[in-house]
């Protein structure tokens, strides 16, 4: 694991100094993504706080939906594996 470094990023004119073990390129790409989403969501909104809250809610919604989808997929895979194990058990009993 690499040593933490300080990375400077700017989002919507706000400068942040973040200590991280991630690469500076990765952190800057995150900042660019947040700024892009905030700009799209905050069109016509003058309050920076409101724009950032809308962005946080939008990103949280995306995260929750992806988690729900992953849970559904994981459950589907488990069910299919269970059915396969059952079929293999039946097949081995016949031989």
PDB file of N, CA and C in Angstrom:
ATOM      1  N   UNK A   1       0.853  -1.185   0.000  1.00  0.00           N
ATOM      2  CA  UNK A   1       0.000   0.000   0.000  1.00  0.00           C
ATOM      3  C   UNK A   1       0.891   1.239   0.000  1.00  0.00           C
ATOM      4  N   UNK A   2       0.534   2.215  -0.789  1.00  0.00           N
ATOM      5  CA  UNK A   2       1.353   3.418  -0.888  1.00  0.00           C
ATOM      6  C   UNK A   2       1.075   4.367   0.272  1.00  0.00           C
ATOM      7  N   UNK A   3       2.013   5.240   0.478  1.00  0.00           N
ATOM      8  CA  UNK A   3       1.882   6.244   1.537  1.00  0.00           C
ATOM      9  C   UNK A   3       0.858   7.305   1.130  1.00  0.00           C
ATOM     10  N   UNK A   4       0.099   7.823   2.096  1.00  0.00           N
ATOM     11  CA  UNK A   4      -0.871   8.880   1.768  1.00  0.00           C
ATOM     12  C   UNK A   4      -0.167  10.129   1.221  1.00  0.00           C
ATOM     13  N   UNK A   5      -0.799  10.731   0.238  1.00  0.00           N
ATOM     14  CA  UNK A   5      -0.313  11.994  -0.324  1.00  0.00           C
ATOM     15  C   UNK A   5      -1.461  12.992  -0.302  1.00  0.00           C
ATOM     16  N   UNK A   6      -1.138  14.252  -0.413  1.00  0.00           N
ATOM     17  CA  UNK A   6      -2.148  15.291  -0.438  1.00  0.00           C
ATOM     18  C   UNK A   6      -2.419  15.670  -1.885  1.00  0.00           C
ATOM     19  N   UNK A   7      -3.701  15.642  -2.266  1.00  0.00           N
ATOM     20  CA  UNK A   7      -4.112  15.964  -3.632  1.00  0.00           C
ATOM     21  C   UNK A   7      -5.071  17.145  -3.578  1.00  0.00           C
ATOM     22  N   UNK A   8      -4.819  18.119  -4.424  1.00  0.00           N
ATOM     23  CA  UNK A   8      -5.683  19.296  -4.521  1.00  0.00           C
ATOM     24  C   UNK A   8      -6.670  19.095  -5.670  1.00  0.00           C
ATOM     25  N   UNK A   9      -7.961  19.294  -5.376  1.00  0.00           N
ATOM     26  CA  UNK A   9      -8.993  19.238  -6.411  1.00  0.00           C
ATOM     27  C   UNK A   9      -9.896  20.451  -6.249  1.00  0.00           C
ATOM     28  N   UNK A  10     -10.560  20.813  -7.323  1.00  0.00           N
ATOM     29  CA  UNK A  10     -11.511  21.924  -7.292  1.00  0.00           C
ATOM     30  C   UNK A  10     -12.836  21.433  -7.861  1.00  0.00           C
ATOM     31  N   UNK A  11     -13.910  21.665  -7.096  1.00  0.00           N
ATOM     32  CA  UNK A  11     -15.257  21.303  -7.536  1.00  0.00           C
ATOM     33  C   UNK A  11     -16.133  22.533  -7.367  1.00  0.00           C
ATOM     34  N   UNK A  12     -16.714  22.989  -8.458  1.00  0.00           N
ATOM     35  CA  UNK A  12     -17.583  24.170  -8.470  1.00  0.00           C
ATOM     36  C   UNK A  12     -16.918  25.372  -7.813  1.00  0.00           C
ATOM     37  N   UNK A  13     -15.638  25.529  -8.105  1.00  0.00           N
ATOM     38  CA  UNK A  13     -14.900  26.673  -7.581  1.00  0.00           C
ATOM     39  C   UNK A  13     -14.391  26.506  -6.155  1.00  0.00           C
ATOM     40  N   UNK A  14     -14.761  25.420  -5.507  1.00  0.00           N
ATOM     41  CA  UNK A  14     -14.307  25.149  -4.144  1.00  0.00           C
ATOM     42  C   UNK A  14     -13.072  24.265  -4.197  1.00  0.00           C
ATOM     43  N   UNK A  15     -12.006  24.732  -3.600  1.00  0.00           N
ATOM     44  CA  UNK A  15     -10.749  23.994  -3.616  1.00  0.00           C
ATOM     45  C   UNK A  15     -10.671  23.096  -2.385  1.00  0.00           C
ATOM     46  N   UNK A  16     -10.315  21.848  -2.620  1.00  0.00           N
ATOM     47  CA  UNK A  16     -10.178  20.877  -1.537  1.00  0.00           C
ATOM     48  C   UNK A  16      -8.786  20.276  -1.568  1.00  0.00           C
ATOM     49  N   UNK A  17      -8.244  20.060  -0.381  1.00  0.00           N
ATOM     50  CA  UNK A  17      -6.976  19.364  -0.253  1.00  0.00           C
ATOM     51  C   UNK A  17      -7.280  18.071   0.482  1.00  0.00           C
ATOM     52  N   UNK A  18      -7.050  16.939  -0.200  1.00  0.00           N
ATOM     53  CA  UNK A  18      -7.463  15.641   0.330  1.00  0.00           C
ATOM     54  C   UNK A  18      -6.236  14.755   0.504  1.00  0.00           C
ATOM     55  N   UNK A  19      -6.124  14.158   1.693  1.00  0.00           N
ATOM     56  CA  UNK A  19      -5.053  13.192   1.920  1.00  0.00           C
ATOM     57  C   UNK A  19      -5.590  11.821   1.547  1.00  0.00           C
ATOM     58  N   UNK A  20      -4.851  11.122   0.676  1.00  0.00           N
ATOM     59  CA  UNK A  20      -5.345   9.863   0.140  1.00  0.00           C
ATOM     60  C   UNK A  20      -4.195   8.952  -0.269  1.00  0.00           C
ATOM     61  N   UNK A  21      -4.510   7.671  -0.349  1.00  0.00           N
ATOM     62  CA  UNK A  21      -3.550   6.709  -0.901  1.00  0.00           C
ATOM     63  C   UNK A  21      -3.880   6.417  -2.367  1.00  0.00           C
ATOM     64  N   UNK A  22      -4.978   6.976  -2.851  1.00  0.00           N
ATOM     65  CA  UNK A  22      -5.363   6.813  -4.261  1.00  0.00           C
ATOM     66  C   UNK A  22      -4.501   7.715  -5.135  1.00  0.00           C
ATOM     67  N   UNK A  23      -4.474   7.413  -6.421  1.00  0.00           N
ATOM     68  CA  UNK A  23      -3.687   8.249  -7.332  1.00  0.00           C
ATOM     69  C   UNK A  23      -4.357   9.609  -7.508  1.00  0.00           C
ATOM     70  N   UNK A  24      -3.538  10.600  -7.793  1.00  0.00           N
ATOM     71  CA  UNK A  24      -4.082  11.947  -7.997  1.00  0.00           C
ATOM     72  C   UNK A  24      -4.996  11.968  -9.218  1.00  0.00           C
ATOM     73  N   UNK A  25      -4.670  11.165 -10.248  1.00  0.00           N
ATOM     74  CA  UNK A  25      -5.510  11.116 -11.446  1.00  0.00           C
ATOM     75  C   UNK A  25      -6.901  10.581 -11.109  1.00  0.00           C
ATOM     76  N   UNK A  26      -6.942   9.548 -10.262  1.00  0.00           N
ATOM     77  CA  UNK A  26      -8.229   8.968  -9.869  1.00  0.00           C
ATOM     78  C   UNK A  26      -9.059   9.990  -9.095  1.00  0.00           C
ATOM     79  N   UNK A  27      -8.440  10.659  -8.139  1.00  0.00           N
ATOM     80  CA  UNK A  27      -9.168  11.650  -7.344  1.00  0.00           C
ATOM     81  C   UNK A  27      -9.654  12.801  -8.215  1.00  0.00           C
ATOM     82  N   UNK A  28      -8.840  13.217  -9.139  1.00  0.00           N
ATOM     83  CA  UNK A  28      -9.259  14.303 -10.043  1.00  0.00           C
ATOM     84  C   UNK A  28     -10.394  13.857 -10.951  1.00  0.00           C
ATOM     85  N   UNK A  29     -10.392  12.582 -11.343  1.00  0.00           N
ATOM     86  CA  UNK A  29     -11.503  12.085 -12.168  1.00  0.00           C
ATOM     87  C   UNK A  29     -12.793  12.049 -11.350  1.00  0.00           C
ATOM     88  N   UNK A  30     -12.699  11.700 -10.066  1.00  0.00           N
ATOM     89  CA  UNK A  30     -13.881  11.749  -9.196  1.00  0.00           C
ATOM     90  C   UNK A  30     -14.408  13.174  -9.077  1.00  0.00           C
ATOM     91  N   UNK A  31     -13.510  14.108  -8.860  1.00  0.00           N
ATOM     92  CA  UNK A  31     -13.908  15.513  -8.734  1.00  0.00           C
ATOM     93  C   UNK A  31     -14.561  16.005 -10.020  1.00  0.00           C
ATOM     94  N   UNK A  32     -14.010  15.620 -11.158  1.00  0.00           N
ATOM     95  CA  UNK A  32     -14.587  16.028 -12.444  1.00  0.00           C
ATOM     96  C   UNK A  32     -15.977  15.429 -12.616  1.00  0.00           C
ATOM     97  N   UNK A  33     -16.154  14.187 -12.197  1.00  0.00           N
ATOM     98  CA  UNK A  33     -17.463  13.528 -12.301  1.00  0.00           C
ATOM     99  C   UNK A  33     -18.493  14.245 -11.419  1.00  0.00           C
ATOM    100  N   UNK A  34     -18.108  14.557 -10.194  1.00  0.00           N
ATOM    101  CA  UNK A  34     -19.023  15.257  -9.287  1.00  0.00           C
ATOM    102  C   UNK A  34     -19.368  16.627  -9.857  1.00  0.00           C
ATOM    103  N   UNK A  35     -18.379  17.327 -10.366  1.00  0.00           N
ATOM    104  CA  UNK A  35     -18.643  18.654 -10.930  1.00  0.00           C
ATOM    105  C   UNK A  35     -19.574  18.568 -12.136  1.00  0.00           C
ATOM    106  N   UNK A  36     -19.364  17.556 -12.984  1.00  0.00           N
ATOM    107  CA  UNK A  36     -20.229  17.368 -14.154  1.00  0.00           C
ATOM    108  C   UNK A  36     -21.670  17.107 -13.723  1.00  0.00           C
ATOM    109  N   UNK A  37     -21.850  16.219 -12.742  1.00  0.00           N
ATOM    110  CA  UNK A  37     -23.200  15.915 -12.252  1.00  0.00           C
ATOM    111  C   UNK A  37     -23.829  17.145 -11.597  1.00  0.00           C
ATOM    112  N   UNK A  38     -23.044  17.843 -10.795  1.00  0.00           N
ATOM    113  CA  UNK A  38     -23.549  19.023 -10.100  1.00  0.00           C
ATOM    114  C   UNK A  38     -23.964  20.104 -11.087  1.00  0.00           C
ATOM    115  N   UNK A  39     -23.187  20.284 -12.119  1.00  0.00           N
ATOM    116  CA  UNK A  39     -23.500  21.291 -13.130  1.00  0.00           C
ATOM    117  C   UNK A  39     -24.798  20.940 -13.837  1.00  0.00           C
ATOM    118  N   UNK A  40     -24.967  19.658 -14.161  1.00  0.00           N
ATOM    119  CA  UNK A  40     -26.190  19.223 -14.845  1.00  0.00           C
ATOM    120  C   UNK A  40     -27.408  19.351 -13.934  1.00  0.00           C
ATOM    121  N   UNK A  41     -27.253  18.973 -12.686  1.00  0.00           N
ATOM    122  CA  UNK A  41     -28.388  18.996 -11.756  1.00  0.00           C
ATOM    123  C   UNK A  41     -28.716  20.395 -11.250  1.00  0.00           C
ATOM    124  N   UNK A  42     -27.698  21.225 -11.159  1.00  0.00           N
ATOM    125  CA  UNK A  42     -27.894  22.529 -10.526  1.00  0.00           C
ATOM    126  C   UNK A  42     -28.191  23.665 -11.467  1.00  0.00           C
ATOM    127  N   UNK A  43     -28.489  23.358 -12.724  1.00  0.00           N
ATOM    128  CA  UNK A  43     -28.796  24.427 -13.676  1.00  0.00           C
ATOM    129  C   UNK A  43     -29.929  25.276 -13.125  1.00  0.00           C
ATOM    130  N   UNK A  44     -29.673  26.557 -12.972  1.00  0.00           N
ATOM    131  CA  UNK A  44     -30.699  27.474 -12.475  1.00  0.00           C
ATOM    132  C   UNK A  44     -30.725  27.591 -10.957  1.00  0.00           C
ATOM    133  N   UNK A  45     -29.947  26.782 -10.261  1.00  0.00           N
ATOM    134  CA  UNK A  45     -29.888  26.859  -8.797  1.00  0.00           C
ATOM    135  C   UNK A  45     -28.703  27.722  -8.408  1.00  0.00           C
ATOM    136  N   UNK A  46     -28.953  28.676  -7.571  1.00  0.00           N
ATOM    137  CA  UNK A  46     -27.886  29.615  -7.208  1.00  0.00           C
ATOM    138  C   UNK A  46     -27.138  29.218  -5.955  1.00  0.00           C
ATOM    139  N   UNK A  47     -27.738  28.410  -5.135  1.00  0.00           N
ATOM    140  CA  UNK A  47     -27.115  28.034  -3.874  1.00  0.00           C
ATOM    141  C   UNK A  47     -26.168  26.852  -4.076  1.00  0.00           C
ATOM    142  N   UNK A  48     -24.900  27.057  -3.766  1.00  0.00           N
ATOM    143  CA  UNK A  48     -23.910  25.989  -3.889  1.00  0.00           C
ATOM    144  C   UNK A  48     -24.281  24.811  -2.996  1.00  0.00           C
ATOM    145  N   UNK A  49     -24.780  25.114  -1.806  1.00  0.00           N
ATOM    146  CA  UNK A  49     -25.192  24.048  -0.888  1.00  0.00           C
ATOM    147  C   UNK A  49     -26.306  23.209  -1.496  1.00  0.00           C
ATOM    148  N   UNK A  50     -27.291  23.849  -2.096  1.00  0.00           N
ATOM    149  CA  UNK A  50     -28.395  23.117  -2.724  1.00  0.00           C
ATOM    150  C   UNK A  50     -27.906  22.257  -3.878  1.00  0.00           C
ATOM    151  N   UNK A  51     -27.010  22.793  -4.679  1.00  0.00           N
ATOM    152  CA  UNK A  51     -26.465  22.041  -5.810  1.00  0.00           C
ATOM    153  C   UNK A  51     -25.721  20.811  -5.305  1.00  0.00           C
ATOM    154  N   UNK A  52     -24.900  20.986  -4.288  1.00  0.00           N
ATOM    155  CA  UNK A  52     -24.126  19.860  -3.766  1.00  0.00           C
ATOM    156  C   UNK A  52     -25.032  18.836  -3.076  1.00  0.00           C
ATOM    157  N   UNK A  53     -26.085  19.297  -2.416  1.00  0.00           N
ATOM    158  CA  UNK A  53     -27.027  18.354  -1.802  1.00  0.00           C
ATOM    159  C   UNK A  53     -27.782  17.566  -2.877  1.00  0.00           C
ATOM    160  N   UNK A  54     -28.213  18.238  -3.931  1.00  0.00           N
ATOM    161  CA  UNK A  54     -28.865  17.539  -5.041  1.00  0.00           C
ATOM    162  C   UNK A  54     -27.932  16.498  -5.648  1.00  0.00           C
ATOM    163  N   UNK A  55     -26.672  16.876  -5.796  1.00  0.00           N
ATOM    164  CA  UNK A  55     -25.682  15.953  -6.355  1.00  0.00           C
ATOM    165  C   UNK A  55     -25.466  14.763  -5.427  1.00  0.00           C
ATOM    166  N   UNK A  56     -25.348  15.019  -4.139  1.00  0.00           N
ATOM    167  CA  UNK A  56     -25.168  13.931  -3.173  1.00  0.00           C
ATOM    168  C   UNK A  56     -26.368  12.984  -3.198  1.00  0.00           C
ATOM    169  N   UNK A  57     -27.572  13.529  -3.261  1.00  0.00           N
ATOM    170  CA  UNK A  57     -28.773  12.689  -3.335  1.00  0.00           C
ATOM    171  C   UNK A  57     -28.803  11.872  -4.627  1.00  0.00           C
ATOM    172  N   UNK A  58     -28.422  12.494  -5.726  1.00  0.00           N
ATOM    173  CA  UNK A  58     -28.400  11.797  -7.009  1.00  0.00           C
ATOM    174  C   UNK A  58     -27.388  10.651  -6.990  1.00  0.00           C
ATOM    175  N   UNK A  59     -26.210  10.904  -6.458  1.00  0.00           N
ATOM    176  CA  UNK A  59     -25.188   9.862  -6.376  1.00  0.00           C
ATOM    177  C   UNK A  59     -25.590   8.761  -5.398  1.00  0.00           C
ATOM    178  N   UNK A  60     -26.218   9.132  -4.275  1.00  0.00           N
ATOM    179  CA  UNK A  60     -26.698   8.132  -3.319  1.00  0.00           C
ATOM    180  C   UNK A  60     -27.787   7.269  -3.953  1.00  0.00           C
ATOM    181  N   UNK A  61     -28.673   7.886  -4.721  1.00  0.00           N
ATOM    182  CA  UNK A  61     -29.714   7.133  -5.430  1.00  0.00           C
ATOM    183  C   UNK A  61     -29.082   6.128  -6.383  1.00  0.00           C
ATOM    184  N   UNK A  62     -28.091   6.558  -7.134  1.00  0.00           N
ATOM    185  CA  UNK A  62     -27.407   5.654  -8.059  1.00  0.00           C
ATOM    186  C   UNK A  62     -26.751   4.500  -7.297  1.00  0.00           C
ATOM    187  N   UNK A  63     -26.090   4.814  -6.200  1.00  0.00           N
ATOM    188  CA  UNK A  63     -25.447   3.778  -5.385  1.00  0.00           C
ATOM    189  C   UNK A  63     -26.460   2.773  -4.859  1.00  0.00           C
ATOM    190  N   UNK A  64     -27.567   3.255  -4.310  1.00  0.00           N
ATOM    191  CA  UNK A  64     -28.590   2.360  -3.764  1.00  0.00           C
ATOM    192  C   UNK A  64     -29.194   1.471  -4.850  1.00  0.00           C
ATOM    193  N   UNK A  65     -29.461   2.050  -6.025  1.00  0.00           N
ATOM    194  CA  UNK A  65     -30.023   1.257  -7.122  1.00  0.00           C
ATOM    195  C   UNK A  65     -29.037   0.173  -7.584  1.00  0.00           C
ATOM    196  N   UNK A  66     -27.761   0.524  -7.651  1.00  0.00           N
ATOM    197  CA  UNK A  66     -26.752  -0.459  -8.037  1.00  0.00           C
ATOM    198  C   UNK A  66     -26.617  -1.561  -6.988  1.00  0.00           C
ATOM    199  N   UNK A  67     -26.700  -1.190  -5.707  1.00  0.00           N
ATOM    200  CA  UNK A  67     -26.651  -2.194  -4.642  1.00  0.00           C
ATOM    201  C   UNK A  67     -27.846  -3.134  -4.727  1.00  0.00           C
ATOM    202  N   UNK A  68     -29.037  -2.568  -4.954  1.00  0.00           N
ATOM    203  CA  UNK A  68     -30.240  -3.397  -5.093  1.00  0.00           C
ATOM    204  C   UNK A  68     -30.108  -4.356  -6.272  1.00  0.00           C
ATOM    205  N   UNK A  69     -29.610  -3.849  -7.389  1.00  0.00           N
ATOM    206  CA  UNK A  69     -29.419  -4.693  -8.577  1.00  0.00           C
ATOM    207  C   UNK A  69     -28.416  -5.805  -8.285  1.00  0.00           C
ATOM    208  N   UNK A  70     -27.353  -5.465  -7.611  1.00  0.00           N
ATOM    209  CA  UNK A  70     -26.342  -6.480  -7.270  1.00  0.00           C
ATOM    210  C   UNK A  70     -26.930  -7.545  -6.352  1.00  0.00           C
ATOM    211  N   UNK A  71     -27.744  -7.127  -5.390  1.00  0.00           N
ATOM    212  CA  UNK A  71     -28.392  -8.084  -4.491  1.00  0.00           C
ATOM    213  C   UNK A  71     -29.300  -9.024  -5.271  1.00  0.00           C
ATOM    214  N   UNK A  72     -30.063  -8.462  -6.218  1.00  0.00           N
ATOM    215  CA  UNK A  72     -30.935  -9.298  -7.060  1.00  0.00           C
ATOM    216  C   UNK A  72     -30.124 -10.284  -7.889  1.00  0.00           C
ATOM    217  N   UNK A  73     -29.056  -9.806  -8.495  1.00  0.00           N
ATOM    218  CA  UNK A  73     -28.210 -10.668  -9.328  1.00  0.00           C
ATOM    219  C   UNK A  73     -27.558 -11.748  -8.470  1.00  0.00           C
ATOM    220  N   UNK A  74     -27.032 -11.360  -7.303  1.00  0.00           N
ATOM    221  CA  UNK A  74     -26.412 -12.339  -6.406  1.00  0.00           C
ATOM    222  C   UNK A  74     -27.416 -13.412  -5.996  1.00  0.00           C
ATOM    223  N   UNK A  75     -28.652 -13.007  -5.697  1.00  0.00           N
ATOM    224  CA  UNK A  75     -29.694 -13.963  -5.330  1.00  0.00           C
ATOM    225  C   UNK A  75     -30.021 -14.892  -6.483  1.00  0.00           C
ATOM    226  N   UNK A  76     -30.061 -14.343  -7.684  1.00  0.00           N
ATOM    227  CA  UNK A  76     -30.342 -15.151  -8.868  1.00  0.00           C
ATOM    228  C   UNK A  76     -29.232 -16.173  -9.102  1.00  0.00           C
ATOM    229  N   UNK A  77     -28.003 -15.741  -8.945  1.00  0.00           N
ATOM    230  CA  UNK A  77     -26.870 -16.648  -9.127  1.00  0.00           C
ATOM    231  C   UNK A  77     -26.914 -17.759  -8.070  1.00  0.00           C
ATOM    232  N   UNK A  78     -27.198 -17.382  -6.824  1.00  0.00           N
ATOM    233  CA  UNK A  78     -27.294 -18.398  -5.758  1.00  0.00           C
ATOM    234  C   UNK A  78     -28.396 -19.413  -6.059  1.00  0.00           C
ATOM    235  N   UNK A  79     -29.536 -18.924  -6.525  1.00  0.00           N
ATOM    236  CA  UNK A  79     -30.648 -19.822  -6.846  1.00  0.00           C
ATOM    237  C   UNK A  79     -30.254 -20.774  -7.976  1.00  0.00           C
ATOM    238  N   UNK A  80     -29.612 -20.257  -8.985  1.00  0.00           N
ATOM    239  CA  UNK A  80     -29.193 -21.102 -10.109  1.00  0.00           C
ATOM    240  C   UNK A  80     -28.144 -22.122  -9.682  1.00  0.00           C
ATOM    241  N   UNK A  81     -27.206 -21.685  -8.837  1.00  0.00           N
ATOM    242  CA  UNK A  81     -26.199 -22.622  -8.344  1.00  0.00           C
ATOM    243  C   UNK A  81     -26.841 -23.702  -7.473  1.00  0.00           C
ATOM    244  N   UNK A  82     -27.800 -23.302  -6.662  1.00  0.00           N
ATOM    245  CA  UNK A  82     -28.512 -24.272  -5.831  1.00  0.00           C
ATOM    246  C   UNK A  82     -29.229 -25.305  -6.677  1.00  0.00           C
ATOM    247  N   UNK A  83     -29.896 -24.856  -7.728  1.00  0.00           N
ATOM    248  CA  UNK A  83     -30.601 -25.772  -8.628  1.00  0.00           C
ATOM    249  C   UNK A  83     -29.608 -26.699  -9.322  1.00  0.00           C
ATOM    250  N   UNK A  84     -28.463 -26.167  -9.713  1.00  0.00           N
ATOM    251  CA  UNK A  84     -27.445 -26.981 -10.362  1.00  0.00           C
ATOM    252  C   UNK A  84     -26.891 -28.039  -9.404  1.00  0.00           C
ATOM    253  N   UNK A  85     -26.642 -27.658  -8.171  1.00  0.00           N
ATOM    254  CA  UNK A  85     -26.156 -28.610  -7.168  1.00  0.00           C
ATOM    255  C   UNK A  85     -27.189 -29.710  -6.947  1.00  0.00           C
ATOM    256  N   UNK A  86     -28.452 -29.334  -6.893  1.00  0.00           N
ATOM    257  CA  UNK A  86     -29.526 -30.318  -6.729  1.00  0.00           C
ATOM    258  C   UNK A  86     -29.541 -31.292  -7.903  1.00  0.00           C
ATOM    259  N   UNK A  87     -29.465 -30.767  -9.112  1.00  0.00           N
ATOM    260  CA  UNK A  87     -29.459 -31.622 -10.309  1.00  0.00           C
ATOM    261  C   UNK A  87     -28.236 -32.530 -10.334  1.00  0.00           C
ATOM    262  N   UNK A  88     -27.091 -32.010  -9.957  1.00  0.00           N
ATOM    263  CA  UNK A  88     -25.882 -32.834  -9.915  1.00  0.00           C
ATOM    264  C   UNK A  88     -26.012 -33.941  -8.873  1.00  0.00           C
ATOM    265  N   UNK A  89     -26.636 -33.606  -7.753  1.00  0.00           N
ATOM    266  CA  UNK A  89     -26.880 -34.628  -6.717  1.00  0.00           C
ATOM    267  C   UNK A  89     -27.786 -35.727  -7.224  1.00  0.00           C
ATOM    268  N   UNK A  90     -28.836 -35.348  -7.905  1.00  0.00           N
ATOM    269  CA  UNK A  90     -29.756 -36.333  -8.481  1.00  0.00           C
ATOM    270  C   UNK A  90     -29.056 -37.203  -9.520  1.00  0.00           C
ATOM    271  N   UNK A  91     -28.256 -36.565 -10.359  1.00  0.00           N
ATOM    272  CA  UNK A  91     -27.546 -37.307 -11.411  1.00  0.00           C
ATOM    273  C   UNK A  91     -26.533 -38.288 -10.799  1.00  0.00           C
ATOM    274  N   UNK A  92     -25.880 -37.891  -9.740  1.00  0.00           N
ATOM    275  CA  UNK A  92     -24.891 -38.787  -9.133  1.00  0.00           C
ATOM    276  C   UNK A  92     -25.562 -39.945  -8.399  1.00  0.00           C
ATOM    277  N   UNK A  93     -26.786 -39.744  -7.926  1.00  0.00           N
ATOM    278  CA  UNK A  93     -27.527 -40.830  -7.266  1.00  0.00           C
ATOM    279  C   UNK A  93     -27.929 -41.906  -8.262  1.00  0.00           C
ATOM    280  N   UNK A  94     -28.168 -41.521  -9.498  1.00  0.00           N
ATOM    281  CA  UNK A  94     -28.611 -42.446 -10.549  1.00  0.00           C
ATOM    282  C   UNK A  94     -27.462 -43.310 -11.072  1.00  0.00           C
ATOM    283  N   UNK A  95     -26.259 -42.869 -10.877  1.00  0.00           N
ATOM    284  CA  UNK A  95     -25.126 -43.633 -11.425  1.00  0.00           C
ATOM    285  C   UNK A  95     -24.530 -44.594 -10.438  1.00  0.00           C
TER     286      UNK A  95
END
